Structures are given as C-alpha cells and as structure tokens.
Protein backbone atom coordinates (compact mmCIF):
# COMPACT_ATOMS: atom_id res chain seq x y z
CA MET A 1 26.67 -46.71 -58.92
CA ARG A 2 23.77 -44.89 -57.34
CA ARG A 3 23.85 -43.31 -53.93
CA ASP A 4 21.06 -45.55 -52.58
CA THR A 5 22.59 -48.86 -53.71
CA ALA A 6 22.45 -51.55 -51.02
CA LEU A 7 25.97 -52.70 -50.11
CA PHE A 8 26.84 -55.64 -47.87
CA LEU A 9 29.97 -56.92 -46.18
CA PRO A 10 31.19 -60.36 -47.32
CA PRO A 11 29.53 -63.13 -45.28
CA LYS A 12 31.29 -64.84 -42.41
CA PRO A 13 32.23 -68.44 -43.36
CA LYS A 14 31.40 -69.98 -39.94
CA ARG A 15 27.90 -71.33 -40.64
CA ARG A 16 26.42 -74.74 -41.17
CA GLY A 17 24.09 -75.36 -44.04
CA ARG A 18 23.76 -73.33 -47.20
CA LYS A 19 26.45 -70.71 -47.78
CA ARG A 20 25.24 -67.13 -47.27
CA LYS A 21 25.41 -64.73 -50.20
CA TYR A 22 25.55 -61.47 -48.22
CA GLY A 23 26.84 -60.40 -44.83
CA GLN A 24 25.88 -57.38 -42.74
CA ARG A 25 24.36 -54.42 -44.60
CA ILE A 26 26.52 -51.29 -44.70
CA ASP A 27 24.52 -48.46 -43.14
CA ALA A 28 25.46 -45.06 -41.70
CA ALA A 29 26.49 -46.49 -38.32
CA LEU A 30 28.81 -49.07 -39.87
CA LEU A 31 30.17 -46.48 -42.29
CA ASP A 32 31.20 -44.23 -39.38
CA MET A 33 33.19 -47.11 -37.88
CA LEU A 34 35.33 -47.59 -41.02
CA PRO A 35 38.89 -46.24 -40.87
CA MET A 36 39.30 -42.78 -42.38
CA THR A 37 42.22 -41.55 -44.50
CA GLU A 38 42.82 -37.82 -44.92
CA MET A 39 44.85 -36.37 -47.76
CA GLU A 40 45.49 -33.05 -49.43
CA LEU A 41 44.61 -33.00 -53.15
CA THR A 42 44.48 -30.34 -55.82
CA LEU A 43 40.88 -30.19 -57.00
CA TYR A 44 39.43 -27.49 -59.22
CA SER A 45 42.79 -25.63 -59.11
CA LYS A 46 42.68 -25.42 -55.31
CA SER A 47 44.31 -27.43 -52.58
CA GLN A 48 41.55 -29.23 -50.67
CA ARG A 49 41.46 -31.70 -47.79
CA VAL A 50 39.71 -34.96 -48.70
CA ARG A 51 38.54 -37.68 -46.29
CA LEU A 52 38.24 -41.20 -47.68
CA ARG A 53 36.65 -44.36 -46.28
CA SER A 54 36.75 -47.63 -48.19
CA VAL A 55 35.69 -51.25 -47.77
CA ILE A 56 35.41 -54.42 -49.84
CA ALA A 57 31.66 -54.82 -50.33
CA ILE A 58 29.16 -56.90 -52.26
CA ALA A 59 26.47 -55.17 -54.34
CA ARG A 60 23.31 -57.07 -55.28
CA PHE A 61 23.12 -55.68 -58.80
CA LEU A 62 26.59 -57.12 -59.56
CA LYS A 63 25.49 -60.67 -58.61
CA GLU A 64 27.75 -61.19 -55.57
CA LEU A 65 30.90 -59.76 -57.16
CA PRO A 66 33.17 -58.17 -54.51
CA VAL A 67 34.05 -54.52 -55.23
CA ARG A 68 35.86 -51.73 -53.36
CA ALA A 69 33.41 -49.03 -52.34
CA VAL A 70 34.91 -45.62 -51.52
CA TRP A 71 33.16 -42.72 -49.78
CA CYS A 72 34.77 -39.30 -49.95
CA GLU A 73 34.17 -35.94 -48.27
CA MET A 74 35.73 -32.67 -49.40
CA HIS A 75 36.42 -29.95 -46.84
C-alpha cells in the first residue's frame, strides 16, 4: 500500500446506536506509542539492525477488512 494511506484502529464496541466502522486514526504520535521489536537481519549481504512496529489496522480502501500494518526502520 502507499505511504500516505489512512489507517485506523478497530472501533471500540462500547457505543449505543449504529456500529462505528473506524476507530482512532493512526498518526505519528500513536505510531511512536506502539511497541517496538528490534532484530538483527542479513540484508544486502550485511548484518543490519531492524526496528519493527506492527498493529492490526483497518484501511478504507480495503472496505473495513482488518490487516496487520508493519513499519520498519533499518539502522
């Protein structure tokens, strides 16, 4: 998917009335609060440290289908 795709958390079920389709939007502040996993991988024939953050999210273009979104940083 594209870098600027709008991702949302699943909605909280505690509401009266019509069920919500999307929860809170995932922005930079929320992304920084996600747990980070660090691992050492061999990439491009070199050993590199990789930081991963992931979350179950809902993308609008997939019509409310939950997916796992993963952000990675190479150092």
